[in-house]
Amino acid sequence: MCPPCSGTQFTAYTGRLRGVAYGQMRARKLRADDYLCRLCQSSRASVWDHCHEHDLVRGPVCASCNTIEGMGTPEYLLRREEVVAHLLECSRCREERTLPPRFHAAVAGLHLEAEARDASCPVQPAVRHRDTTTGGHVFDLYCNRHWTKKWREEVPATEAHELVRAFVDQALAAGQPGAGVPGPRTASETNART
């Protein structure tokens, strides 16, 4: 179905399952394909996206958005503020001020891209995630103008965790009611039957 037709045929998701365990939601046999994708807002949803760390429902998404979200890339995080808002639909992630672990390297890479510089070159480096180890995240950095300028940096896991907290805090501070970043549920939302 084309996006304009999807928009007229399917319901926009309003967050009514926030805080519900994925297993409980599946037992209720609620269909994701009754909704529009929470992320692109134009395609019919096909799956219920949920936080794999906390097993809480985030919302209905289309197959394309689900695939892209699963990659955890920096480009995905920067694509739209709705992406971070969607990830924070997991109430435990929001309370703990964190994102799923696959996004920790993306946030650390965004930080390196903004802050890291080679002393002999003023150009902002390109950053590519190389590996995740028990100690942290390893990145290759290089200058797009001077291909001989290449180096490697590691962001320790503890620093990456703090960078993620700062990233989430910034997203929560920038959020406006109804504009993306979810706020606390009201008593009527908590008691509503789904």
C-alpha atoms as a PDB file:
ATOM      1  CA  MET A   1       0.000   0.000   0.000  1.00  0.00           C
ATOM      2  CA  CYS A   2       1.373   3.449  -0.887  1.00  0.00           C
ATOM      3  CA  PRO A   3       2.202   5.850   1.998  1.00  0.00           C
ATOM      4  CA  PRO A   4      -0.765   8.210   1.394  1.00  0.00           C
ATOM      5  CA  CYS A   5      -3.179   5.259   1.411  1.00  0.00           C
ATOM      6  CA  SER A   6      -1.493   3.813   4.522  1.00  0.00           C
ATOM      7  CA  GLY A   7      -2.058   7.113   6.291  1.00  0.00           C
ATOM      8  CA  THR A   8      -5.796   6.951   5.683  1.00  0.00           C
ATOM      9  CA  GLN A   9      -6.231   3.225   6.371  1.00  0.00           C
ATOM     10  CA  PHE A  10      -4.232   2.675   9.554  1.00  0.00           C
ATOM     11  CA  THR A  11      -4.192   4.203  13.013  1.00  0.00           C
ATOM     12  CA  ALA A  12      -1.319   6.298  14.341  1.00  0.00           C
ATOM     13  CA  TYR A  13       0.209   4.716  17.434  1.00  0.00           C
ATOM     14  CA  THR A  14      -0.187   6.878  20.554  1.00  0.00           C
ATOM     15  CA  GLY A  15       2.041   5.025  23.015  1.00  0.00           C
ATOM     16  CA  ARG A  16      -0.711   3.154  24.781  1.00  0.00           C
ATOM     17  CA  LEU A  17       1.475   0.067  25.302  1.00  0.00           C
ATOM     18  CA  ARG A  18       4.392   1.943  26.880  1.00  0.00           C
ATOM     19  CA  GLY A  19       5.688  -0.056  29.829  1.00  0.00           C
ATOM     20  CA  VAL A  20       3.981  -3.301  28.757  1.00  0.00           C
ATOM     21  CA  ALA A  21       6.174  -6.383  28.557  1.00  0.00           C
ATOM     22  CA  TYR A  22       6.558  -7.717  25.025  1.00  0.00           C
ATOM     23  CA  GLY A  23       5.531 -11.224  26.103  1.00  0.00           C
ATOM     24  CA  GLN A  24       2.296  -9.919  27.685  1.00  0.00           C
ATOM     25  CA  MET A  25       1.492  -7.864  24.596  1.00  0.00           C
ATOM     26  CA  ARG A  26       1.956 -10.901  22.348  1.00  0.00           C
ATOM     27  CA  ALA A  27      -0.394 -12.924  24.580  1.00  0.00           C
ATOM     28  CA  ARG A  28      -3.050 -10.260  23.959  1.00  0.00           C
ATOM     29  CA  LYS A  29      -2.651 -10.922  20.228  1.00  0.00           C
ATOM     30  CA  LEU A  30      -2.551  -7.243  19.312  1.00  0.00           C
ATOM     31  CA  ARG A  31      -1.649  -6.775  15.677  1.00  0.00           C
ATOM     32  CA  ALA A  32       1.079  -4.345  14.690  1.00  0.00           C
ATOM     33  CA  ASP A  33      -0.281  -4.173  11.160  1.00  0.00           C
ATOM     34  CA  ASP A  34      -3.361  -2.285  12.385  1.00  0.00           C
ATOM     35  CA  TYR A  35      -1.068   0.741  12.861  1.00  0.00           C
ATOM     36  CA  LEU A  36       1.153   3.097  10.930  1.00  0.00           C
ATOM     37  CA  CYS A  37       4.879   2.719  11.522  1.00  0.00           C
ATOM     38  CA  ARG A  38       5.815   4.799  14.548  1.00  0.00           C
ATOM     39  CA  LEU A  39       9.062   5.918  12.916  1.00  0.00           C
ATOM     40  CA  CYS A  40       8.380   6.757   9.285  1.00  0.00           C
ATOM     41  CA  GLN A  41       4.685   7.518   9.899  1.00  0.00           C
ATOM     42  CA  SER A  42       3.905   6.566   6.300  1.00  0.00           C
ATOM     43  CA  SER A  43       4.066   2.780   5.954  1.00  0.00           C
ATOM     44  CA  ARG A  44       1.927   0.083   7.477  1.00  0.00           C
ATOM     45  CA  ALA A  45       3.620  -1.411  10.550  1.00  0.00           C
ATOM     46  CA  SER A  46       4.522  -5.074  10.406  1.00  0.00           C
ATOM     47  CA  VAL A  47       6.133  -5.849  13.785  1.00  0.00           C
ATOM     48  CA  TRP A  48       6.086  -4.702  17.381  1.00  0.00           C
ATOM     49  CA  ASP A  49       9.484  -3.197  18.120  1.00  0.00           C
ATOM     50  CA  HIS A  50      10.652  -3.816  21.659  1.00  0.00           C
ATOM     51  CA  CYS A  51      13.717  -3.303  23.826  1.00  0.00           C
ATOM     52  CA  HIS A  52      15.659  -6.562  23.921  1.00  0.00           C
ATOM     53  CA  GLU A  53      17.423  -5.522  27.132  1.00  0.00           C
ATOM     54  CA  HIS A  54      14.256  -4.846  29.144  1.00  0.00           C
ATOM     55  CA  ASP A  55      11.610  -6.734  27.096  1.00  0.00           C
ATOM     56  CA  LEU A  56       9.331  -3.670  26.917  1.00  0.00           C
ATOM     57  CA  VAL A  57       7.266  -2.629  23.899  1.00  0.00           C
ATOM     58  CA  ARG A  58       8.323   0.536  22.049  1.00  0.00           C
ATOM     59  CA  GLY A  59       5.720   0.538  19.303  1.00  0.00           C
ATOM     60  CA  PRO A  60       4.729  -0.745  15.870  1.00  0.00           C
ATOM     61  CA  VAL A  61       7.255  -0.323  13.054  1.00  0.00           C
ATOM     62  CA  CYS A  62       7.463  -1.311   9.402  1.00  0.00           C
ATOM     63  CA  ALA A  63       9.993  -3.920   8.267  1.00  0.00           C
ATOM     64  CA  SER A  64      12.279  -1.291   6.754  1.00  0.00           C
ATOM     65  CA  CYS A  65      12.473   0.856   9.897  1.00  0.00           C
ATOM     66  CA  ASN A  66      12.899  -2.258  12.046  1.00  0.00           C
ATOM     67  CA  THR A  67      15.881  -3.374   9.953  1.00  0.00           C
ATOM     68  CA  ILE A  68      17.532   0.050  10.047  1.00  0.00           C
ATOM     69  CA  GLU A  69      16.939   0.420  13.810  1.00  0.00           C
ATOM     70  CA  GLY A  70      18.551  -2.963  14.395  1.00  0.00           C
ATOM     71  CA  MET A  71      21.811  -1.763  12.835  1.00  0.00           C
ATOM     72  CA  GLY A  72      22.361   0.904  15.497  1.00  0.00           C
ATOM     73  CA  THR A  73      24.291   3.304  13.239  1.00  0.00           C
ATOM     74  CA  PRO A  74      25.164   6.939  14.026  1.00  0.00           C
ATOM     75  CA  GLU A  75      23.327   8.039  10.882  1.00  0.00           C
ATOM     76  CA  TYR A  76      20.161   6.426  12.217  1.00  0.00           C
ATOM     77  CA  LEU A  77      20.420   8.266  15.544  1.00  0.00           C
ATOM     78  CA  LEU A  78      20.904  11.591  13.778  1.00  0.00           C
ATOM     79  CA  ARG A  79      18.202  11.009  11.172  1.00  0.00           C
ATOM     80  CA  ARG A  80      15.330  12.412  13.201  1.00  0.00           C
ATOM     81  CA  GLU A  81      14.628  13.212  16.822  1.00  0.00           C
ATOM     82  CA  GLU A  82      11.752  10.719  16.642  1.00  0.00           C
ATOM     83  CA  VAL A  83      14.317   7.906  16.506  1.00  0.00           C
ATOM     84  CA  VAL A  84      15.713   8.665  19.964  1.00  0.00           C
ATOM     85  CA  ALA A  85      12.180   9.291  21.239  1.00  0.00           C
ATOM     86  CA  HIS A  86      11.177   5.876  19.924  1.00  0.00           C
ATOM     87  CA  LEU A  87      14.134   4.164  21.612  1.00  0.00           C
ATOM     88  CA  LEU A  88      13.173   5.884  24.868  1.00  0.00           C
ATOM     89  CA  GLU A  89       9.642   4.453  24.669  1.00  0.00           C
ATOM     90  CA  CYS A  90      11.239   1.700  26.740  1.00  0.00           C
ATOM     91  CA  SER A  91      10.511   3.132  30.175  1.00  0.00           C
ATOM     92  CA  ARG A  92      13.502   1.332  31.723  1.00  0.00           C
ATOM     93  CA  CYS A  93      15.915   2.818  29.144  1.00  0.00           C
ATOM     94  CA  ARG A  94      14.440   6.244  29.857  1.00  0.00           C
ATOM     95  CA  GLU A  95      14.680   5.784  33.651  1.00  0.00           C
ATOM     96  CA  GLU A  96      18.263   4.500  33.408  1.00  0.00           C
ATOM     97  CA  ARG A  97      19.107   7.248  30.870  1.00  0.00           C
ATOM     98  CA  THR A  98      20.556   4.785  28.413  1.00  0.00           C
ATOM     99  CA  LEU A  99      20.062   3.352  24.938  1.00  0.00           C
ATOM    100  CA  PRO A 100      20.337  -0.254  23.770  1.00  0.00           C
ATOM    101  CA  PRO A 101      23.998  -1.394  23.842  1.00  0.00           C
ATOM    102  CA  ARG A 102      24.280  -1.490  20.031  1.00  0.00           C
ATOM    103  CA  PHE A 103      23.897   2.316  20.057  1.00  0.00           C
ATOM    104  CA  HIS A 104      26.729   2.930  22.545  1.00  0.00           C
ATOM    105  CA  ALA A 105      29.360   2.664  19.813  1.00  0.00           C
ATOM    106  CA  ALA A 106      27.311   5.014  17.614  1.00  0.00           C
ATOM    107  CA  VAL A 107      27.166   7.682  20.341  1.00  0.00           C
ATOM    108  CA  ALA A 108      30.892   7.284  21.102  1.00  0.00           C
ATOM    109  CA  GLY A 109      31.644   7.583  17.371  1.00  0.00           C
ATOM    110  CA  LEU A 110      29.569  10.766  17.092  1.00  0.00           C
ATOM    111  CA  HIS A 111      31.528  12.194  20.033  1.00  0.00           C
ATOM    112  CA  LEU A 112      34.879  11.307  18.433  1.00  0.00           C
ATOM    113  CA  GLU A 113      33.775  12.790  15.124  1.00  0.00           C
ATOM    114  CA  ALA A 114      32.992  16.084  16.854  1.00  0.00           C
ATOM    115  CA  GLU A 115      35.968  16.202  19.230  1.00  0.00           C
ATOM    116  CA  ALA A 116      38.931  14.252  17.844  1.00  0.00           C
ATOM    117  CA  ARG A 117      41.548  16.022  15.746  1.00  0.00           C
ATOM    118  CA  ASP A 118      44.987  15.181  14.440  1.00  0.00           C
ATOM    119  CA  ALA A 119      47.368  17.881  15.650  1.00  0.00           C
ATOM    120  CA  SER A 120      48.762  18.448  12.132  1.00  0.00           C
ATOM    121  CA  CYS A 121      45.387  18.636  10.322  1.00  0.00           C
ATOM    122  CA  PRO A 122      42.465  20.982  11.062  1.00  0.00           C
ATOM    123  CA  VAL A 123      39.938  18.869   9.123  1.00  0.00           C
ATOM    124  CA  GLN A 124      37.238  17.057  11.105  1.00  0.00           C
ATOM    125  CA  PRO A 125      38.059  13.349  10.784  1.00  0.00           C
ATOM    126  CA  ALA A 126      35.784  10.628   9.516  1.00  0.00           C
ATOM    127  CA  VAL A 127      35.152   7.923  12.098  1.00  0.00           C
ATOM    128  CA  ARG A 128      34.525   4.247  11.477  1.00  0.00           C
ATOM    129  CA  HIS A 129      33.704   1.777  14.233  1.00  0.00           C
ATOM    130  CA  ARG A 130      36.218  -1.040  14.077  1.00  0.00           C
ATOM    131  CA  ASP A 131      35.440  -3.293  17.029  1.00  0.00           C
ATOM    132  CA  THR A 132      33.728  -3.604  20.393  1.00  0.00           C
ATOM    133  CA  THR A 133      35.803  -5.217  23.109  1.00  0.00           C
ATOM    134  CA  THR A 134      35.156  -5.866  26.787  1.00  0.00           C
ATOM    135  CA  GLY A 135      37.122  -2.697  27.503  1.00  0.00           C
ATOM    136  CA  GLY A 136      35.283  -0.399  25.093  1.00  0.00           C
ATOM    137  CA  HIS A 137      34.924   0.596  21.465  1.00  0.00           C
ATOM    138  CA  VAL A 138      37.763   0.878  18.942  1.00  0.00           C
ATOM    139  CA  PHE A 139      37.511   3.362  16.073  1.00  0.00           C
ATOM    140  CA  ASP A 140      39.543   4.117  12.960  1.00  0.00           C
ATOM    141  CA  LEU A 141      39.816   7.833  12.235  1.00  0.00           C
ATOM    142  CA  TYR A 142      41.027   9.360   9.016  1.00  0.00           C
ATOM    143  CA  CYS A 143      41.123  12.652   7.199  1.00  0.00           C
ATOM    144  CA  ASN A 144      39.113  12.725   3.962  1.00  0.00           C
ATOM    145  CA  ARG A 145      41.516  15.315   2.574  1.00  0.00           C
ATOM    146  CA  HIS A 146      44.788  13.629   3.598  1.00  0.00           C
ATOM    147  CA  TRP A 147      44.407   9.879   3.238  1.00  0.00           C
ATOM    148  CA  THR A 148      47.786   9.337   4.873  1.00  0.00           C
ATOM    149  CA  LYS A 149      46.390  10.756   8.136  1.00  0.00           C
ATOM    150  CA  LYS A 150      44.944   7.671   9.805  1.00  0.00           C
ATOM    151  CA  TRP A 151      44.888   6.737  13.453  1.00  0.00           C
ATOM    152  CA  ARG A 152      43.003   4.584  15.925  1.00  0.00           C
ATOM    153  CA  GLU A 153      41.290   5.577  19.163  1.00  0.00           C
ATOM    154  CA  GLU A 154      39.537   3.594  21.843  1.00  0.00           C
ATOM    155  CA  VAL A 155      36.641   4.873  23.914  1.00  0.00           C
ATOM    156  CA  PRO A 156      36.546   2.935  27.201  1.00  0.00           C
ATOM    157  CA  ALA A 157      33.196   1.333  28.068  1.00  0.00           C
ATOM    158  CA  THR A 158      32.753   3.574  31.117  1.00  0.00           C
ATOM    159  CA  GLU A 159      33.298   6.704  29.016  1.00  0.00           C
ATOM    160  CA  ALA A 160      30.903   5.408  26.340  1.00  0.00           C
ATOM    161  CA  HIS A 161      28.288   4.837  29.055  1.00  0.00           C
ATOM    162  CA  GLU A 162      28.679   8.438  30.262  1.00  0.00           C
ATOM    163  CA  LEU A 163      28.490   9.742  26.689  1.00  0.00           C
ATOM    164  CA  VAL A 164      25.237   7.821  26.205  1.00  0.00           C
ATOM    165  CA  ARG A 165      23.803   9.282  29.430  1.00  0.00           C
ATOM    166  CA  ALA A 166      24.693  12.792  28.271  1.00  0.00           C
ATOM    167  CA  PHE A 167      23.185  12.082  24.839  1.00  0.00           C
ATOM    168  CA  VAL A 168      19.922  10.849  26.407  1.00  0.00           C
ATOM    169  CA  ASP A 169      19.829  13.767  28.859  1.00  0.00           C
ATOM    170  CA  GLN A 170      20.190  16.171  25.945  1.00  0.00           C
ATOM    171  CA  ALA A 171      17.395  14.411  24.039  1.00  0.00           C
ATOM    172  CA  LEU A 172      15.103  14.477  27.077  1.00  0.00           C
ATOM    173  CA  ALA A 173      15.844  18.162  27.721  1.00  0.00           C
ATOM    174  CA  ALA A 174      15.119  19.035  24.082  1.00  0.00           C
ATOM    175  CA  GLY A 175      11.855  17.050  23.984  1.00  0.00           C
ATOM    176  CA  GLN A 176       8.574  18.905  23.965  1.00  0.00           C
ATOM    177  CA  PRO A 177       5.310  17.325  25.139  1.00  0.00           C
ATOM    178  CA  GLY A 178       3.719  15.590  22.174  1.00  0.00           C
ATOM    179  CA  ALA A 179       6.719  16.260  19.924  1.00  0.00           C
ATOM    180  CA  GLY A 180       8.590  13.012  20.304  1.00  0.00           C
ATOM    181  CA  VAL A 181      10.419  12.278  23.546  1.00  0.00           C
ATOM    182  CA  PRO A 182       7.892  10.543  25.783  1.00  0.00           C
ATOM    183  CA  GLY A 183       7.023  11.928  29.171  1.00  0.00           C
ATOM    184  CA  PRO A 184       5.695  10.060  32.174  1.00  0.00           C
ATOM    185  CA  ARG A 185       2.404   8.226  31.706  1.00  0.00           C
ATOM    186  CA  THR A 186      -0.668   9.711  33.290  1.00  0.00           C
ATOM    187  CA  ALA A 187      -2.775   7.679  35.695  1.00  0.00           C
ATOM    188  CA  SER A 188      -5.467   7.265  33.044  1.00  0.00           C
ATOM    189  CA  GLU A 189      -2.903   5.881  30.549  1.00  0.00           C
ATOM    190  CA  THR A 190      -1.547   3.477  33.177  1.00  0.00           C
ATOM    191  CA  ASN A 191      -4.999   2.147  34.042  1.00  0.00           C
ATOM    192  CA  ALA A 192      -6.350   2.100  30.484  1.00  0.00           C
ATOM    193  CA  ARG A 193      -7.207  -1.313  29.146  1.00  0.00           C
ATOM    194  CA  THR A 194      -5.381  -2.241  25.946  1.00  0.00           C
END
